[in-house]
Amino acid sequence: MNTIEDIKKGRLPGHLAIIMDGNGRWAKERGKLRVFGHQNGVEAVRQTVETAAKLGIGHLTLYAFSTENWKRPKLEVDTLMRLLVTSLRKELKTLNENNISLNAIGRVDTLPEKALKELREVIRKTSENDGMTLTLALSYGSRDEITTAVKAIASKVKNSIISPEIIDESIINDHLYTRNLPDVDLLIRTSGEYRISNFLLWQIAYAELYFTDVFWPDFSEQHLLEALKSYQNRERRFGKISEQLN
């Protein structure tokens, strides 16, 4: 069993991203409605956020609600939005106690007014914290993000604000929702699915991927430490060969 002391502080991912999957199937196995899984997934979020902050991870991004999730049954969507409001309200004290600032990416303006108001309030009240940045991907889709960036860049070219010749990776980065975040170092997906599901496609170009069969409500501190241990045992070459790294 891994402990926090087993994790090498000098080899932590600077940016950890998580696809929190399996709430619905977790509930179904227990003969409950899918919303029961979402409600129980909140504790896994709390544990993960607190452990990541304790370890000293600089950025944690959670895939909370995708652009495609709006297509789910109304009861489930409404429950997720209510959970967002109540969780933000309840966790504000914990965020401040752990020196965590809240951030959000995606089409957040499409959220219900109450959820959007609560989100902006917590972002404001944690903005002075300079420890870990917790980013919630809400109404987020990576293809939508890239399409929006391309349109913005094309508009600037059309209006002679920038020249096509200077467009490079940094220009594209500057037009993404994640413009203030570093690239992802480690991406975790729970529930046994082996998909990226339209999440941070540009930002995970060289990320290490870690998949676990554990459903999100059961994802504990121990599971996070196992993922981090796996990450620290890997060699990240970024296109080079081992001999060049050594």
C-alpha atoms as a PDB file:
ATOM      1  CA  MET A   1       0.000   0.000   0.000  1.00  0.00           C
ATOM      2  CA  ASN A   2       1.378   3.400  -1.005  1.00  0.00           C
ATOM      3  CA  THR A   3       1.487   6.355   1.357  1.00  0.00           C
ATOM      4  CA  ILE A   4       1.973  10.049   0.689  1.00  0.00           C
ATOM      5  CA  GLU A   5       5.556   9.619   1.935  1.00  0.00           C
ATOM      6  CA  ASP A   6       6.201   7.115  -0.907  1.00  0.00           C
ATOM      7  CA  ILE A   7       5.530   9.758  -3.543  1.00  0.00           C
ATOM      8  CA  LYS A   8       8.637  11.587  -4.768  1.00  0.00           C
ATOM      9  CA  LYS A   9       7.876  15.282  -4.414  1.00  0.00           C
ATOM     10  CA  GLY A  10      10.383  16.183  -7.128  1.00  0.00           C
ATOM     11  CA  ARG A  11       8.602  14.033  -9.736  1.00  0.00           C
ATOM     12  CA  LEU A  12       5.001  15.085  -9.313  1.00  0.00           C
ATOM     13  CA  PRO A  13       2.932  15.972 -12.373  1.00  0.00           C
ATOM     14  CA  GLY A  14       2.695  19.750 -12.601  1.00  0.00           C
ATOM     15  CA  HIS A  15      -0.758  19.372 -14.141  1.00  0.00           C
ATOM     16  CA  LEU A  16      -2.989  16.411 -13.286  1.00  0.00           C
ATOM     17  CA  ALA A  17      -6.268  15.951 -15.185  1.00  0.00           C
ATOM     18  CA  ILE A  18      -8.999  13.444 -14.355  1.00  0.00           C
ATOM     19  CA  ILE A  19     -11.966  12.080 -16.292  1.00  0.00           C
ATOM     20  CA  MET A  20     -14.295  11.176 -13.421  1.00  0.00           C
ATOM     21  CA  ASP A  21     -16.259   8.307 -14.953  1.00  0.00           C
ATOM     22  CA  GLY A  22     -18.518   5.543 -13.671  1.00  0.00           C
ATOM     23  CA  ASN A  23     -21.006   7.274 -11.366  1.00  0.00           C
ATOM     24  CA  GLY A  24     -24.009   5.908 -13.253  1.00  0.00           C
ATOM     25  CA  ARG A  25     -22.772   2.322 -13.416  1.00  0.00           C
ATOM     26  CA  TRP A  26     -21.773   2.455  -9.736  1.00  0.00           C
ATOM     27  CA  ALA A  27     -25.360   3.409  -8.868  1.00  0.00           C
ATOM     28  CA  LYS A  28     -26.856   0.806 -11.239  1.00  0.00           C
ATOM     29  CA  GLU A  29     -24.863  -1.978  -9.546  1.00  0.00           C
ATOM     30  CA  ARG A  30     -26.577  -0.955  -6.307  1.00  0.00           C
ATOM     31  CA  GLY A  31     -30.050  -0.826  -7.832  1.00  0.00           C
ATOM     32  CA  LYS A  32     -30.181   2.956  -7.590  1.00  0.00           C
ATOM     33  CA  LEU A  33     -30.825   5.793 -10.023  1.00  0.00           C
ATOM     34  CA  ARG A  34     -27.809   7.308 -11.788  1.00  0.00           C
ATOM     35  CA  VAL A  35     -28.144  10.507  -9.746  1.00  0.00           C
ATOM     36  CA  PHE A  36     -27.268   8.470  -6.629  1.00  0.00           C
ATOM     37  CA  GLY A  37     -23.850   7.828  -8.169  1.00  0.00           C
ATOM     38  CA  HIS A  38     -23.268  11.509  -8.849  1.00  0.00           C
ATOM     39  CA  GLN A  39     -24.171  12.363  -5.270  1.00  0.00           C
ATOM     40  CA  ASN A  40     -21.677   9.808  -3.938  1.00  0.00           C
ATOM     41  CA  GLY A  41     -18.989  10.949  -6.358  1.00  0.00           C
ATOM     42  CA  VAL A  42     -18.710  14.252  -4.469  1.00  0.00           C
ATOM     43  CA  GLU A  43     -16.714  12.607  -1.657  1.00  0.00           C
ATOM     44  CA  ALA A  44     -14.209  11.238  -4.178  1.00  0.00           C
ATOM     45  CA  VAL A  45     -13.756  14.772  -5.516  1.00  0.00           C
ATOM     46  CA  ARG A  46     -13.120  16.099  -2.001  1.00  0.00           C
ATOM     47  CA  GLN A  47     -10.535  13.430  -1.197  1.00  0.00           C
ATOM     48  CA  THR A  48      -8.748  13.840  -4.522  1.00  0.00           C
ATOM     49  CA  VAL A  49      -8.579  17.628  -4.289  1.00  0.00           C
ATOM     50  CA  GLU A  50      -7.300  17.604  -0.705  1.00  0.00           C
ATOM     51  CA  THR A  51      -4.685  14.921  -1.392  1.00  0.00           C
ATOM     52  CA  ALA A  52      -3.429  16.652  -4.548  1.00  0.00           C
ATOM     53  CA  ALA A  53      -3.100  19.938  -2.659  1.00  0.00           C
ATOM     54  CA  LYS A  54      -1.343  18.210   0.253  1.00  0.00           C
ATOM     55  CA  LEU A  55       1.181  16.645  -2.136  1.00  0.00           C
ATOM     56  CA  GLY A  56       1.945  19.979  -3.771  1.00  0.00           C
ATOM     57  CA  ILE A  57       0.491  19.389  -7.240  1.00  0.00           C
ATOM     58  CA  GLY A  58       0.208  22.782  -8.911  1.00  0.00           C
ATOM     59  CA  HIS A  59      -2.781  22.195 -11.196  1.00  0.00           C
ATOM     60  CA  LEU A  60      -5.693  19.757 -11.000  1.00  0.00           C
ATOM     61  CA  THR A  61      -8.337  19.761 -13.736  1.00  0.00           C
ATOM     62  CA  LEU A  62     -11.539  17.735 -13.352  1.00  0.00           C
ATOM     63  CA  TYR A  63     -13.870  16.868 -16.229  1.00  0.00           C
ATOM     64  CA  ALA A  64     -17.098  17.740 -14.441  1.00  0.00           C
ATOM     65  CA  PHE A  65     -19.610  18.232 -17.278  1.00  0.00           C
ATOM     66  CA  SER A  66     -19.095  17.950 -21.028  1.00  0.00           C
ATOM     67  CA  THR A  67     -20.888  19.711 -23.875  1.00  0.00           C
ATOM     68  CA  GLU A  68     -22.351  16.291 -24.746  1.00  0.00           C
ATOM     69  CA  ASN A  69     -23.722  15.794 -21.221  1.00  0.00           C
ATOM     70  CA  TRP A  70     -26.514  18.289 -21.938  1.00  0.00           C
ATOM     71  CA  LYS A  71     -28.110  15.478 -23.995  1.00  0.00           C
ATOM     72  CA  ARG A  72     -28.637  13.323 -20.881  1.00  0.00           C
ATOM     73  CA  PRO A  73     -32.090  12.955 -19.230  1.00  0.00           C
ATOM     74  CA  LYS A  74     -33.356  16.208 -17.696  1.00  0.00           C
ATOM     75  CA  LEU A  75     -33.497  14.739 -14.179  1.00  0.00           C
ATOM     76  CA  GLU A  76     -29.808  13.818 -14.333  1.00  0.00           C
ATOM     77  CA  VAL A  77     -28.733  17.202 -15.745  1.00  0.00           C
ATOM     78  CA  ASP A  78     -30.807  19.093 -13.167  1.00  0.00           C
ATOM     79  CA  THR A  79     -29.310  16.991 -10.371  1.00  0.00           C
ATOM     80  CA  LEU A  80     -25.772  17.635 -11.609  1.00  0.00           C
ATOM     81  CA  MET A  81     -26.418  21.378 -11.683  1.00  0.00           C
ATOM     82  CA  ARG A  82     -27.864  21.316  -8.143  1.00  0.00           C
ATOM     83  CA  LEU A  83     -24.870  19.296  -6.956  1.00  0.00           C
ATOM     84  CA  LEU A  84     -22.559  21.861  -8.530  1.00  0.00           C
ATOM     85  CA  VAL A  85     -24.214  24.695  -6.599  1.00  0.00           C
ATOM     86  CA  THR A  86     -24.323  22.900  -3.241  1.00  0.00           C
ATOM     87  CA  SER A  87     -20.785  21.521  -3.580  1.00  0.00           C
ATOM     88  CA  LEU A  88     -19.301  24.904  -4.431  1.00  0.00           C
ATOM     89  CA  ARG A  89     -21.087  26.455  -1.475  1.00  0.00           C
ATOM     90  CA  LYS A  90     -19.993  23.715   0.944  1.00  0.00           C
ATOM     91  CA  GLU A  91     -16.397  23.434  -0.250  1.00  0.00           C
ATOM     92  CA  LEU A  92     -15.502  27.142  -0.258  1.00  0.00           C
ATOM     93  CA  LYS A  93     -14.138  26.899   3.305  1.00  0.00           C
ATOM     94  CA  THR A  94     -12.056  23.816   2.419  1.00  0.00           C
ATOM     95  CA  LEU A  95     -10.651  25.491  -0.688  1.00  0.00           C
ATOM     96  CA  ASN A  96      -9.515  28.500   1.312  1.00  0.00           C
ATOM     97  CA  GLU A  97      -8.115  26.383   4.149  1.00  0.00           C
ATOM     98  CA  ASN A  98      -6.020  24.457   1.605  1.00  0.00           C
ATOM     99  CA  ASN A  99      -4.924  27.607  -0.288  1.00  0.00           C
ATOM    100  CA  ILE A 100      -6.670  26.416  -3.476  1.00  0.00           C
ATOM    101  CA  SER A 101      -7.914  28.801  -6.149  1.00  0.00           C
ATOM    102  CA  LEU A 102     -10.881  27.760  -8.292  1.00  0.00           C
ATOM    103  CA  ASN A 103     -10.922  28.124 -12.054  1.00  0.00           C
ATOM    104  CA  ALA A 104     -13.374  27.008 -14.764  1.00  0.00           C
ATOM    105  CA  ILE A 105     -13.061  26.275 -18.481  1.00  0.00           C
ATOM    106  CA  GLY A 106     -15.697  25.638 -21.128  1.00  0.00           C
ATOM    107  CA  ARG A 107     -18.900  27.357 -22.182  1.00  0.00           C
ATOM    108  CA  VAL A 108     -19.702  28.276 -18.593  1.00  0.00           C
ATOM    109  CA  ASP A 109     -22.128  30.952 -19.762  1.00  0.00           C
ATOM    110  CA  THR A 110     -24.506  28.121 -20.769  1.00  0.00           C
ATOM    111  CA  LEU A 111     -24.848  26.965 -17.148  1.00  0.00           C
ATOM    112  CA  PRO A 112     -28.093  27.767 -15.285  1.00  0.00           C
ATOM    113  CA  GLU A 113     -28.007  31.252 -13.775  1.00  0.00           C
ATOM    114  CA  LYS A 114     -27.859  29.998 -10.175  1.00  0.00           C
ATOM    115  CA  ALA A 115     -24.951  27.648 -10.890  1.00  0.00           C
ATOM    116  CA  LEU A 116     -23.055  30.301 -12.833  1.00  0.00           C
ATOM    117  CA  LYS A 117     -23.515  32.865 -10.059  1.00  0.00           C
ATOM    118  CA  GLU A 118     -22.234  30.427  -7.406  1.00  0.00           C
ATOM    119  CA  LEU A 119     -19.289  29.435  -9.593  1.00  0.00           C
ATOM    120  CA  ARG A 120     -18.208  33.027 -10.173  1.00  0.00           C
ATOM    121  CA  GLU A 121     -18.584  33.819  -6.478  1.00  0.00           C
ATOM    122  CA  VAL A 122     -16.319  30.953  -5.389  1.00  0.00           C
ATOM    123  CA  ILE A 123     -13.779  31.839  -8.095  1.00  0.00           C
ATOM    124  CA  ARG A 124     -13.742  35.406  -6.746  1.00  0.00           C
ATOM    125  CA  LYS A 125     -13.460  34.344  -3.112  1.00  0.00           C
ATOM    126  CA  THR A 126     -10.525  32.010  -3.814  1.00  0.00           C
ATOM    127  CA  SER A 127      -8.689  34.216  -6.299  1.00  0.00           C
ATOM    128  CA  GLU A 128      -6.037  35.312  -3.777  1.00  0.00           C
ATOM    129  CA  ASN A 129      -5.027  31.723  -2.967  1.00  0.00           C
ATOM    130  CA  ASP A 130      -1.666  30.835  -4.492  1.00  0.00           C
ATOM    131  CA  GLY A 131      -1.399  27.092  -3.831  1.00  0.00           C
ATOM    132  CA  MET A 132      -3.008  24.580  -6.183  1.00  0.00           C
ATOM    133  CA  THR A 133      -5.308  25.724  -8.983  1.00  0.00           C
ATOM    134  CA  LEU A 134      -8.419  23.546  -9.233  1.00  0.00           C
ATOM    135  CA  THR A 135     -10.014  23.837 -12.664  1.00  0.00           C
ATOM    136  CA  LEU A 136     -13.507  22.514 -13.365  1.00  0.00           C
ATOM    137  CA  ALA A 137     -14.238  21.696 -17.008  1.00  0.00           C
ATOM    138  CA  LEU A 138     -17.923  22.630 -17.268  1.00  0.00           C
ATOM    139  CA  SER A 139     -19.945  22.487 -20.477  1.00  0.00           C
ATOM    140  CA  TYR A 140     -16.558  21.696 -21.964  1.00  0.00           C
ATOM    141  CA  GLY A 141     -15.639  19.966 -25.199  1.00  0.00           C
ATOM    142  CA  SER A 142     -12.152  20.003 -26.674  1.00  0.00           C
ATOM    143  CA  ARG A 143     -13.289  20.112 -30.299  1.00  0.00           C
ATOM    144  CA  ASP A 144     -15.503  23.067 -29.446  1.00  0.00           C
ATOM    145  CA  GLU A 145     -12.556  24.737 -27.712  1.00  0.00           C
ATOM    146  CA  ILE A 146     -10.272  24.255 -30.731  1.00  0.00           C
ATOM    147  CA  THR A 147     -12.983  25.397 -33.164  1.00  0.00           C
ATOM    148  CA  THR A 148     -13.540  28.548 -31.088  1.00  0.00           C
ATOM    149  CA  ALA A 149      -9.791  29.209 -31.070  1.00  0.00           C
ATOM    150  CA  VAL A 150      -9.531  28.783 -34.867  1.00  0.00           C
ATOM    151  CA  LYS A 151     -12.411  31.217 -35.413  1.00  0.00           C
ATOM    152  CA  ALA A 152     -10.811  33.807 -33.118  1.00  0.00           C
ATOM    153  CA  ILE A 153      -7.441  33.500 -34.878  1.00  0.00           C
ATOM    154  CA  ALA A 154      -9.085  33.654 -38.334  1.00  0.00           C
ATOM    155  CA  SER A 155     -10.914  36.829 -37.299  1.00  0.00           C
ATOM    156  CA  LYS A 156      -7.641  38.435 -36.210  1.00  0.00           C
ATOM    157  CA  VAL A 157      -5.992  37.487 -39.501  1.00  0.00           C
ATOM    158  CA  LYS A 158      -8.957  38.877 -41.450  1.00  0.00           C
ATOM    159  CA  ASN A 159      -8.721  42.163 -39.550  1.00  0.00           C
ATOM    160  CA  SER A 160      -4.925  42.327 -39.993  1.00  0.00           C
ATOM    161  CA  ILE A 161      -4.309  42.029 -36.239  1.00  0.00           C
ATOM    162  CA  ILE A 162      -1.941  39.099 -36.790  1.00  0.00           C
ATOM    163  CA  SER A 163      -0.226  37.682 -39.862  1.00  0.00           C
ATOM    164  CA  PRO A 164      -0.793  34.036 -40.900  1.00  0.00           C
ATOM    165  CA  GLU A 165       2.987  33.568 -41.018  1.00  0.00           C
ATOM    166  CA  ILE A 166       3.379  34.047 -37.252  1.00  0.00           C
ATOM    167  CA  ILE A 167       0.740  31.473 -36.256  1.00  0.00           C
ATOM    168  CA  ASP A 168       2.436  28.751 -34.227  1.00  0.00           C
ATOM    169  CA  GLU A 169       1.675  26.568 -31.201  1.00  0.00           C
ATOM    170  CA  SER A 170       1.982  29.480 -28.780  1.00  0.00           C
ATOM    171  CA  ILE A 171      -0.571  31.537 -30.752  1.00  0.00           C
ATOM    172  CA  ILE A 172      -3.002  28.626 -30.681  1.00  0.00           C
ATOM    173  CA  ASN A 173      -2.375  28.105 -26.945  1.00  0.00           C
ATOM    174  CA  ASP A 174      -3.183  31.745 -26.302  1.00  0.00           C
ATOM    175  CA  HIS A 175      -6.665  31.282 -27.782  1.00  0.00           C
ATOM    176  CA  LEU A 176      -7.651  28.135 -25.857  1.00  0.00           C
ATOM    177  CA  TYR A 177      -9.712  28.081 -22.654  1.00  0.00           C
ATOM    178  CA  THR A 178      -6.591  26.738 -20.933  1.00  0.00           C
ATOM    179  CA  ARG A 179      -4.355  29.629 -21.986  1.00  0.00           C
ATOM    180  CA  ASN A 180      -3.275  30.173 -18.371  1.00  0.00           C
ATOM    181  CA  LEU A 181      -2.614  26.491 -17.645  1.00  0.00           C
ATOM    182  CA  PRO A 182       0.425  24.319 -18.438  1.00  0.00           C
ATOM    183  CA  ASP A 183       0.118  21.203 -20.598  1.00  0.00           C
ATOM    184  CA  VAL A 184      -1.213  18.097 -18.847  1.00  0.00           C
ATOM    185  CA  ASP A 185       1.433  15.731 -17.452  1.00  0.00           C
ATOM    186  CA  LEU A 186      -0.840  12.926 -16.241  1.00  0.00           C
ATOM    187  CA  LEU A 187      -4.382  12.074 -17.312  1.00  0.00           C
ATOM    188  CA  ILE A 188      -6.382   9.602 -15.197  1.00  0.00           C
ATOM    189  CA  ARG A 189      -9.640   8.000 -16.317  1.00  0.00           C
ATOM    190  CA  THR A 190     -11.719   5.868 -13.980  1.00  0.00           C
ATOM    191  CA  SER A 191     -14.333   3.126 -14.629  1.00  0.00           C
ATOM    192  CA  GLY A 192     -12.423   0.885 -17.046  1.00  0.00           C
ATOM    193  CA  GLU A 193     -13.150   2.897 -20.189  1.00  0.00           C
ATOM    194  CA  TYR A 194     -10.187   3.562 -22.527  1.00  0.00           C
ATOM    195  CA  ARG A 195     -11.285   6.781 -24.182  1.00  0.00           C
ATOM    196  CA  ILE A 196     -10.357  10.465 -23.973  1.00  0.00           C
ATOM    197  CA  SER A 197     -13.969  11.587 -24.603  1.00  0.00           C
ATOM    198  CA  ASN A 198     -13.213  14.979 -26.133  1.00  0.00           C
ATOM    199  CA  PHE A 199     -11.188  16.168 -23.121  1.00  0.00           C
ATOM    200  CA  LEU A 200      -8.134  18.444 -23.462  1.00  0.00           C
ATOM    201  CA  LEU A 201      -7.104  16.927 -26.805  1.00  0.00           C
ATOM    202  CA  TRP A 202      -4.501  19.633 -27.514  1.00  0.00           C
ATOM    203  CA  GLN A 203      -3.200  19.796 -23.949  1.00  0.00           C
ATOM    204  CA  ILE A 204      -2.532  16.036 -23.509  1.00  0.00           C
ATOM    205  CA  ALA A 205      -0.210  15.721 -26.521  1.00  0.00           C
ATOM    206  CA  TYR A 206       2.589  14.347 -24.310  1.00  0.00           C
ATOM    207  CA  ALA A 207       0.631  13.410 -21.202  1.00  0.00           C
ATOM    208  CA  GLU A 208       1.030  10.036 -19.534  1.00  0.00           C
ATOM    209  CA  LEU A 209      -2.284   8.149 -19.539  1.00  0.00           C
ATOM    210  CA  TYR A 210      -3.511   6.048 -16.614  1.00  0.00           C
ATOM    211  CA  PHE A 211      -6.688   3.959 -16.724  1.00  0.00           C
ATOM    212  CA  THR A 212      -8.274   2.224 -13.748  1.00  0.00           C
ATOM    213  CA  ASP A 213     -11.327  -0.053 -13.486  1.00  0.00           C
ATOM    214  CA  VAL A 214     -12.448   1.694 -10.289  1.00  0.00           C
ATOM    215  CA  PHE A 215     -15.727   3.618 -10.591  1.00  0.00           C
ATOM    216  CA  TRP A 216     -15.389   7.254  -9.587  1.00  0.00           C
ATOM    217  CA  PRO A 217     -17.385   7.085  -6.285  1.00  0.00           C
ATOM    218  CA  ASP A 218     -14.910   4.412  -5.084  1.00  0.00           C
ATOM    219  CA  PHE A 219     -11.804   6.349  -6.173  1.00  0.00           C
ATOM    220  CA  SER A 220      -9.837   6.944  -2.972  1.00  0.00           C
ATOM    221  CA  GLU A 221      -6.595   8.557  -1.877  1.00  0.00           C
ATOM    222  CA  GLN A 222      -4.941   5.144  -2.276  1.00  0.00           C
ATOM    223  CA  HIS A 223      -6.043   4.924  -5.918  1.00  0.00           C
ATOM    224  CA  LEU A 224      -4.650   8.398  -6.593  1.00  0.00           C
ATOM    225  CA  LEU A 225      -1.328   7.460  -5.007  1.00  0.00           C
ATOM    226  CA  GLU A 226      -1.188   4.307  -7.158  1.00  0.00           C
ATOM    227  CA  ALA A 227      -1.659   6.423 -10.283  1.00  0.00           C
ATOM    228  CA  LEU A 228       1.045   8.859  -9.186  1.00  0.00           C
ATOM    229  CA  LYS A 229       3.423   5.993  -8.377  1.00  0.00           C
ATOM    230  CA  SER A 230       2.854   4.576 -11.874  1.00  0.00           C
ATOM    231  CA  TYR A 231       3.541   8.012 -13.365  1.00  0.00           C
ATOM    232  CA  GLN A 232       6.791   8.353 -11.424  1.00  0.00           C
ATOM    233  CA  ASN A 233       8.014   4.968 -12.676  1.00  0.00           C
ATOM    234  CA  ARG A 234       7.671   6.003 -16.322  1.00  0.00           C
ATOM    235  CA  GLU A 235      10.283   7.587 -18.577  1.00  0.00           C
ATOM    236  CA  ARG A 236       9.005  10.692 -20.340  1.00  0.00           C
ATOM    237  CA  ARG A 237      10.994  11.167 -23.538  1.00  0.00           C
ATOM    238  CA  PHE A 238       9.023  13.834 -25.468  1.00  0.00           C
ATOM    239  CA  GLY A 239      10.200  12.378 -28.797  1.00  0.00           C
ATOM    240  CA  LYS A 240      13.802  11.815 -27.693  1.00  0.00           C
ATOM    241  CA  ILE A 241      15.517   8.500 -26.887  1.00  0.00           C
ATOM    242  CA  SER A 242      16.579   7.338 -23.427  1.00  0.00           C
ATOM    243  CA  GLU A 243      20.258   8.009 -24.056  1.00  0.00           C
ATOM    244  CA  GLN A 244      19.549  11.670 -24.792  1.00  0.00           C
ATOM    245  CA  LEU A 245      17.749  12.053 -21.473  1.00  0.00           C
ATOM    246  CA  ASN A 246      20.651  10.519 -19.556  1.00  0.00           C
END
